[in-house]
Amino acid sequence: MSEFAVLQWLIISTLFFVVPFWRIFGRAGFKPALSWIALIPGGILILLWILAFAKWPILAETEIKKE
């Protein structure tokens, strides 16, 4: 594999993992930059734990608007 092919795979894998988490975190009210954690080994599991157990800021905003 040439150096260019390795670079292509790195770019594709970055887009494949970071972009979906970027959108999810943005819609949930978190800072989208947290999605870069997906690039470290085990980072996807960390992100899933954050999403599963943290209080979502966007839900707090919608509850305030309802009152």
PDB file of N, CA and C in Angstrom:
ATOM      1  N   MET A   1       0.834  -1.170   0.000  1.00  0.00           N
ATOM      2  CA  MET A   1       0.000   0.000   0.000  1.00  0.00           C
ATOM      3  C   MET A   1       0.884   1.240   0.000  1.00  0.00           C
ATOM      4  N   SER A   2       0.546   2.177  -0.821  1.00  0.00           N
ATOM      5  CA  SER A   2       1.350   3.394  -0.871  1.00  0.00           C
ATOM      6  C   SER A   2       0.941   4.342   0.258  1.00  0.00           C
ATOM      7  N   GLU A   3       1.745   5.364   0.448  1.00  0.00           N
ATOM      8  CA  GLU A   3       1.453   6.335   1.497  1.00  0.00           C
ATOM      9  C   GLU A   3       0.138   7.057   1.216  1.00  0.00           C
ATOM     10  N   PHE A   4      -0.138   7.295  -0.058  1.00  0.00           N
ATOM     11  CA  PHE A   4      -1.374   7.978  -0.432  1.00  0.00           C
ATOM     12  C   PHE A   4      -2.592   7.138  -0.080  1.00  0.00           C
ATOM     13  N   ALA A   5      -2.509   5.834  -0.266  1.00  0.00           N
ATOM     14  CA  ALA A   5      -3.624   4.944   0.059  1.00  0.00           C
ATOM     15  C   ALA A   5      -3.881   4.910   1.559  1.00  0.00           C
ATOM     16  N   VAL A   6      -2.821   4.928   2.353  1.00  0.00           N
ATOM     17  CA  VAL A   6      -2.976   4.950   3.806  1.00  0.00           C
ATOM     18  C   VAL A   6      -3.653   6.252   4.233  1.00  0.00           C
ATOM     19  N   LEU A   7      -3.244   7.361   3.641  1.00  0.00           N
ATOM     20  CA  LEU A   7      -3.851   8.649   3.947  1.00  0.00           C
ATOM     21  C   LEU A   7      -5.334   8.652   3.586  1.00  0.00           C
ATOM     22  N   GLN A   8      -5.684   8.054   2.461  1.00  0.00           N
ATOM     23  CA  GLN A   8      -7.090   7.969   2.068  1.00  0.00           C
ATOM     24  C   GLN A   8      -7.897   7.189   3.100  1.00  0.00           C
ATOM     25  N   TRP A   9      -7.380   6.075   3.569  1.00  0.00           N
ATOM     26  CA  TRP A   9      -8.092   5.277   4.563  1.00  0.00           C
ATOM     27  C   TRP A   9      -8.242   6.029   5.874  1.00  0.00           C
ATOM     28  N   LEU A  10      -7.236   6.794   6.267  1.00  0.00           N
ATOM     29  CA  LEU A  10      -7.334   7.587   7.483  1.00  0.00           C
ATOM     30  C   LEU A  10      -8.418   8.652   7.373  1.00  0.00           C
ATOM     31  N   ILE A  11      -8.492   9.294   6.238  1.00  0.00           N
ATOM     32  CA  ILE A  11      -9.512  10.320   6.024  1.00  0.00           C
ATOM     33  C   ILE A  11     -10.902   9.703   6.007  1.00  0.00           C
ATOM     34  N   ILE A  12     -11.061   8.590   5.331  1.00  0.00           N
ATOM     35  CA  ILE A  12     -12.360   7.928   5.252  1.00  0.00           C
ATOM     36  C   ILE A  12     -12.806   7.439   6.622  1.00  0.00           C
ATOM     37  N   SER A  13     -11.899   6.837   7.375  1.00  0.00           N
ATOM     38  CA  SER A  13     -12.274   6.340   8.706  1.00  0.00           C
ATOM     39  C   SER A  13     -12.606   7.500   9.644  1.00  0.00           C
ATOM     40  N   THR A  14     -11.895   8.613   9.519  1.00  0.00           N
ATOM     41  CA  THR A  14     -12.209   9.786  10.322  1.00  0.00           C
ATOM     42  C   THR A  14     -13.607  10.283  10.017  1.00  0.00           C
ATOM     43  N   LEU A  15     -13.934  10.399   8.756  1.00  0.00           N
ATOM     44  CA  LEU A  15     -15.278  10.843   8.371  1.00  0.00           C
ATOM     45  C   LEU A  15     -16.339   9.849   8.820  1.00  0.00           C
ATOM     46  N   PHE A  16     -16.038   8.578   8.721  1.00  0.00           N
ATOM     47  CA  PHE A  16     -17.001   7.529   9.069  1.00  0.00           C
ATOM     48  C   PHE A  16     -17.351   7.551  10.555  1.00  0.00           C
ATOM     49  N   PHE A  17     -16.390   7.869  11.422  1.00  0.00           N
ATOM     50  CA  PHE A  17     -16.632   7.849  12.851  1.00  0.00           C
ATOM     51  C   PHE A  17     -16.966   9.218  13.437  1.00  0.00           C
ATOM     52  N   VAL A  18     -16.323  10.260  12.969  1.00  0.00           N
ATOM     53  CA  VAL A  18     -16.482  11.565  13.600  1.00  0.00           C
ATOM     54  C   VAL A  18     -17.779  12.260  13.172  1.00  0.00           C
ATOM     55  N   VAL A  19     -18.106  12.232  11.909  1.00  0.00           N
ATOM     56  CA  VAL A  19     -19.271  12.972  11.410  1.00  0.00           C
ATOM     57  C   VAL A  19     -20.577  12.545  12.078  1.00  0.00           C
ATOM     58  N   PRO A  20     -20.889  11.256  12.193  1.00  0.00           N
ATOM     59  CA  PRO A  20     -22.146  10.901  12.868  1.00  0.00           C
ATOM     60  C   PRO A  20     -22.184  11.344  14.338  1.00  0.00           C
ATOM     61  N   PHE A  21     -21.078  11.162  15.060  1.00  0.00           N
ATOM     62  CA  PHE A  21     -21.059  11.601  16.452  1.00  0.00           C
ATOM     63  C   PHE A  21     -21.145  13.126  16.549  1.00  0.00           C
ATOM     64  N   TRP A  22     -20.571  13.837  15.591  1.00  0.00           N
ATOM     65  CA  TRP A  22     -20.641  15.301  15.568  1.00  0.00           C
ATOM     66  C   TRP A  22     -22.105  15.738  15.485  1.00  0.00           C
ATOM     67  N   ARG A  23     -22.866  15.106  14.597  1.00  0.00           N
ATOM     68  CA  ARG A  23     -24.289  15.454  14.442  1.00  0.00           C
ATOM     69  C   ARG A  23     -25.092  15.077  15.683  1.00  0.00           C
ATOM     70  N   ILE A  24     -24.822  13.906  16.237  1.00  0.00           N
ATOM     71  CA  ILE A  24     -25.563  13.445  17.418  1.00  0.00           C
ATOM     72  C   ILE A  24     -25.312  14.381  18.594  1.00  0.00           C
ATOM     73  N   PHE A  25     -24.055  14.702  18.854  1.00  0.00           N
ATOM     74  CA  PHE A  25     -23.739  15.568  19.981  1.00  0.00           C
ATOM     75  C   PHE A  25     -24.311  16.968  19.786  1.00  0.00           C
ATOM     76  N   GLY A  26     -24.289  17.465  18.562  1.00  0.00           N
ATOM     77  CA  GLY A  26     -24.865  18.777  18.295  1.00  0.00           C
ATOM     78  C   GLY A  26     -26.366  18.805  18.549  1.00  0.00           C
ATOM     79  N   ARG A  27     -27.067  17.783  18.131  1.00  0.00           N
ATOM     80  CA  ARG A  27     -28.519  17.722  18.326  1.00  0.00           C
ATOM     81  C   ARG A  27     -28.899  17.458  19.772  1.00  0.00           C
ATOM     82  N   ALA A  28     -28.020  16.812  20.520  1.00  0.00           N
ATOM     83  CA  ALA A  28     -28.304  16.511  21.921  1.00  0.00           C
ATOM     84  C   ALA A  28     -27.971  17.697  22.825  1.00  0.00           C
ATOM     85  N   GLY A  29     -27.312  18.723  22.287  1.00  0.00           N
ATOM     86  CA  GLY A  29     -26.985  19.904  23.070  1.00  0.00           C
ATOM     87  C   GLY A  29     -25.589  19.898  23.662  1.00  0.00           C
ATOM     88  N   PHE A  30     -24.793  18.895  23.322  1.00  0.00           N
ATOM     89  CA  PHE A  30     -23.408  18.844  23.777  1.00  0.00           C
ATOM     90  C   PHE A  30     -22.521  19.569  22.770  1.00  0.00           C
ATOM     91  N   LYS A  31     -21.274  19.795  23.149  1.00  0.00           N
ATOM     92  CA  LYS A  31     -20.324  20.378  22.205  1.00  0.00           C
ATOM     93  C   LYS A  31     -19.974  19.312  21.167  1.00  0.00           C
ATOM     94  N   PRO A  32     -20.175  19.607  19.887  1.00  0.00           N
ATOM     95  CA  PRO A  32     -19.880  18.616  18.853  1.00  0.00           C
ATOM     96  C   PRO A  32     -18.413  18.194  18.792  1.00  0.00           C
ATOM     97  N   ALA A  33     -17.512  19.007  19.294  1.00  0.00           N
ATOM     98  CA  ALA A  33     -16.087  18.672  19.264  1.00  0.00           C
ATOM     99  C   ALA A  33     -15.770  17.421  20.083  1.00  0.00           C
ATOM    100  N   LEU A  34     -16.680  17.010  20.957  1.00  0.00           N
ATOM    101  CA  LEU A  34     -16.477  15.765  21.708  1.00  0.00           C
ATOM    102  C   LEU A  34     -16.371  14.558  20.774  1.00  0.00           C
ATOM    103  N   SER A  35     -16.874  14.706  19.565  1.00  0.00           N
ATOM    104  CA  SER A  35     -16.856  13.579  18.627  1.00  0.00           C
ATOM    105  C   SER A  35     -15.444  13.156  18.241  1.00  0.00           C
ATOM    106  N   TRP A  36     -14.447  14.004  18.436  1.00  0.00           N
ATOM    107  CA  TRP A  36     -13.066  13.635  18.114  1.00  0.00           C
ATOM    108  C   TRP A  36     -12.549  12.531  19.025  1.00  0.00           C
ATOM    109  N   ILE A  37     -13.224  12.312  20.149  1.00  0.00           N
ATOM    110  CA  ILE A  37     -12.843  11.222  21.047  1.00  0.00           C
ATOM    111  C   ILE A  37     -12.991   9.870  20.349  1.00  0.00           C
ATOM    112  N   ALA A  38     -13.839   9.814  19.335  1.00  0.00           N
ATOM    113  CA  ALA A  38     -14.067   8.561  18.608  1.00  0.00           C
ATOM    114  C   ALA A  38     -12.803   8.056  17.918  1.00  0.00           C
ATOM    115  N   LEU A  39     -11.820   8.896  17.733  1.00  0.00           N
ATOM    116  CA  LEU A  39     -10.608   8.492  17.021  1.00  0.00           C
ATOM    117  C   LEU A  39      -9.600   7.776  17.906  1.00  0.00           C
ATOM    118  N   ILE A  40      -9.743   7.879  19.215  1.00  0.00           N
ATOM    119  CA  ILE A  40      -8.812   7.169  20.086  1.00  0.00           C
ATOM    120  C   ILE A  40      -9.349   5.760  20.342  1.00  0.00           C
ATOM    121  N   PRO A  41      -8.481   4.812  20.588  1.00  0.00           N
ATOM    122  CA  PRO A  41      -8.956   3.453  20.862  1.00  0.00           C
ATOM    123  C   PRO A  41      -9.876   3.430  22.088  1.00  0.00           C
ATOM    124  N   GLY A  42     -11.016   2.838  21.927  1.00  0.00           N
ATOM    125  CA  GLY A  42     -12.009   2.785  22.996  1.00  0.00           C
ATOM    126  C   GLY A  42     -12.836   4.049  23.115  1.00  0.00           C
ATOM    127  N   GLY A  43     -12.589   5.007  22.270  1.00  0.00           N
ATOM    128  CA  GLY A  43     -13.287   6.284  22.336  1.00  0.00           C
ATOM    129  C   GLY A  43     -14.767   6.188  22.030  1.00  0.00           C
ATOM    130  N   ILE A  44     -15.136   5.282  21.147  1.00  0.00           N
ATOM    131  CA  ILE A  44     -16.549   5.126  20.799  1.00  0.00           C
ATOM    132  C   ILE A  44     -17.328   4.642  22.017  1.00  0.00           C
ATOM    133  N   LEU A  45     -16.737   3.752  22.797  1.00  0.00           N
ATOM    134  CA  LEU A  45     -17.405   3.297  24.017  1.00  0.00           C
ATOM    135  C   LEU A  45     -17.562   4.441  25.018  1.00  0.00           C
ATOM    136  N   ILE A  46     -16.558   5.283  25.121  1.00  0.00           N
ATOM    137  CA  ILE A  46     -16.641   6.445  26.008  1.00  0.00           C
ATOM    138  C   ILE A  46     -17.776   7.354  25.564  1.00  0.00           C
ATOM    139  N   LEU A  47     -17.870   7.605  24.260  1.00  0.00           N
ATOM    140  CA  LEU A  47     -18.925   8.475  23.745  1.00  0.00           C
ATOM    141  C   LEU A  47     -20.310   7.893  23.989  1.00  0.00           C
ATOM    142  N   LEU A  48     -20.440   6.591  23.831  1.00  0.00           N
ATOM    143  CA  LEU A  48     -21.726   5.959  24.093  1.00  0.00           C
ATOM    144  C   LEU A  48     -22.108   6.072  25.567  1.00  0.00           C
ATOM    145  N   TRP A  49     -21.147   5.947  26.472  1.00  0.00           N
ATOM    146  CA  TRP A  49     -21.420   6.111  27.899  1.00  0.00           C
ATOM    147  C   TRP A  49     -21.837   7.547  28.200  1.00  0.00           C
ATOM    148  N   ILE A  50     -21.179   8.503  27.569  1.00  0.00           N
ATOM    149  CA  ILE A  50     -21.558   9.906  27.768  1.00  0.00           C
ATOM    150  C   ILE A  50     -22.997  10.124  27.325  1.00  0.00           C
ATOM    151  N   LEU A  51     -23.330   9.632  26.160  1.00  0.00           N
ATOM    152  CA  LEU A  51     -24.690   9.816  25.651  1.00  0.00           C
ATOM    153  C   LEU A  51     -25.724   9.087  26.490  1.00  0.00           C
ATOM    154  N   ALA A  52     -25.378   7.935  27.001  1.00  0.00           N
ATOM    155  CA  ALA A  52     -26.339   7.133  27.740  1.00  0.00           C
ATOM    156  C   ALA A  52     -26.614   7.668  29.147  1.00  0.00           C
ATOM    157  N   PHE A  53     -25.611   8.203  29.823  1.00  0.00           N
ATOM    158  CA  PHE A  53     -25.775   8.516  31.232  1.00  0.00           C
ATOM    159  C   PHE A  53     -25.721  10.004  31.588  1.00  0.00           C
ATOM    160  N   ALA A  54     -25.393  10.861  30.658  1.00  0.00           N
ATOM    161  CA  ALA A  54     -25.340  12.297  30.965  1.00  0.00           C
ATOM    162  C   ALA A  54     -26.731  12.909  30.802  1.00  0.00           C
ATOM    163  N   LYS A  55     -26.960  13.991  31.511  1.00  0.00           N
ATOM    164  CA  LYS A  55     -28.194  14.752  31.309  1.00  0.00           C
ATOM    165  C   LYS A  55     -28.013  15.579  30.048  1.00  0.00           C
ATOM    166  N   TRP A  56     -28.957  15.450  29.151  1.00  0.00           N
ATOM    167  CA  TRP A  56     -28.838  16.133  27.876  1.00  0.00           C
ATOM    168  C   TRP A  56     -29.247  17.596  28.022  1.00  0.00           C
ATOM    169  N   PRO A  57     -28.353  18.518  27.671  1.00  0.00           N
ATOM    170  CA  PRO A  57     -28.679  19.941  27.791  1.00  0.00           C
ATOM    171  C   PRO A  57     -29.898  20.345  26.966  1.00  0.00           C
ATOM    172  N   ILE A  58     -30.110  19.752  25.845  1.00  0.00           N
ATOM    173  CA  ILE A  58     -31.237  20.122  24.989  1.00  0.00           C
ATOM    174  C   ILE A  58     -32.561  19.771  25.653  1.00  0.00           C
ATOM    175  N   LEU A  59     -32.597  18.697  26.444  1.00  0.00           N
ATOM    176  CA  LEU A  59     -33.827  18.330  27.139  1.00  0.00           C
ATOM    177  C   LEU A  59     -34.142  19.325  28.250  1.00  0.00           C
ATOM    178  N   ALA A  60     -33.123  19.824  28.912  1.00  0.00           N
ATOM    179  CA  ALA A  60     -33.336  20.819  29.960  1.00  0.00           C
ATOM    180  C   ALA A  60     -33.906  22.108  29.357  1.00  0.00           C
ATOM    181  N   GLU A  61     -33.443  22.484  28.174  1.00  0.00           N
ATOM    182  CA  GLU A  61     -33.949  23.693  27.508  1.00  0.00           C
ATOM    183  C   GLU A  61     -35.402  23.526  27.108  1.00  0.00           C
ATOM    184  N   THR A  62     -35.776  22.357  26.590  1.00  0.00           N
ATOM    185  CA  THR A  62     -37.158  22.158  26.162  1.00  0.00           C
ATOM    186  C   THR A  62     -38.099  22.083  27.357  1.00  0.00           C
ATOM    187  N   GLU A  63     -37.644  21.578  28.500  1.00  0.00           N
ATOM    188  CA  GLU A  63     -38.481  21.536  29.698  1.00  0.00           C
ATOM    189  C   GLU A  63     -38.726  22.946  30.221  1.00  0.00           C
ATOM    190  N   ILE A  64     -37.739  23.813  30.130  1.00  0.00           N
ATOM    191  CA  ILE A  64     -37.901  25.199  30.573  1.00  0.00           C
ATOM    192  C   ILE A  64     -38.914  25.911  29.674  1.00  0.00           C
ATOM    193  N   LYS A  65     -38.862  25.658  28.378  1.00  0.00           N
ATOM    194  CA  LYS A  65     -39.774  26.302  27.446  1.00  0.00           C
ATOM    195  C   LYS A  65     -41.218  25.836  27.643  1.00  0.00           C
ATOM    196  N   LYS A  66     -41.412  24.595  28.069  1.00  0.00           N
ATOM    197  CA  LYS A  66     -42.753  24.056  28.279  1.00  0.00           C
ATOM    198  C   LYS A  66     -43.444  24.711  29.478  1.00  0.00           C
ATOM    199  N   GLU A  67     -42.664  25.116  30.475  1.00  0.00           N
ATOM    200  CA  GLU A  67     -43.253  25.677  31.692  1.00  0.00           C
ATOM    201  C   GLU A  67     -43.731  27.050  31.511  1.00  0.00           C
TER     202      GLU A  67
END
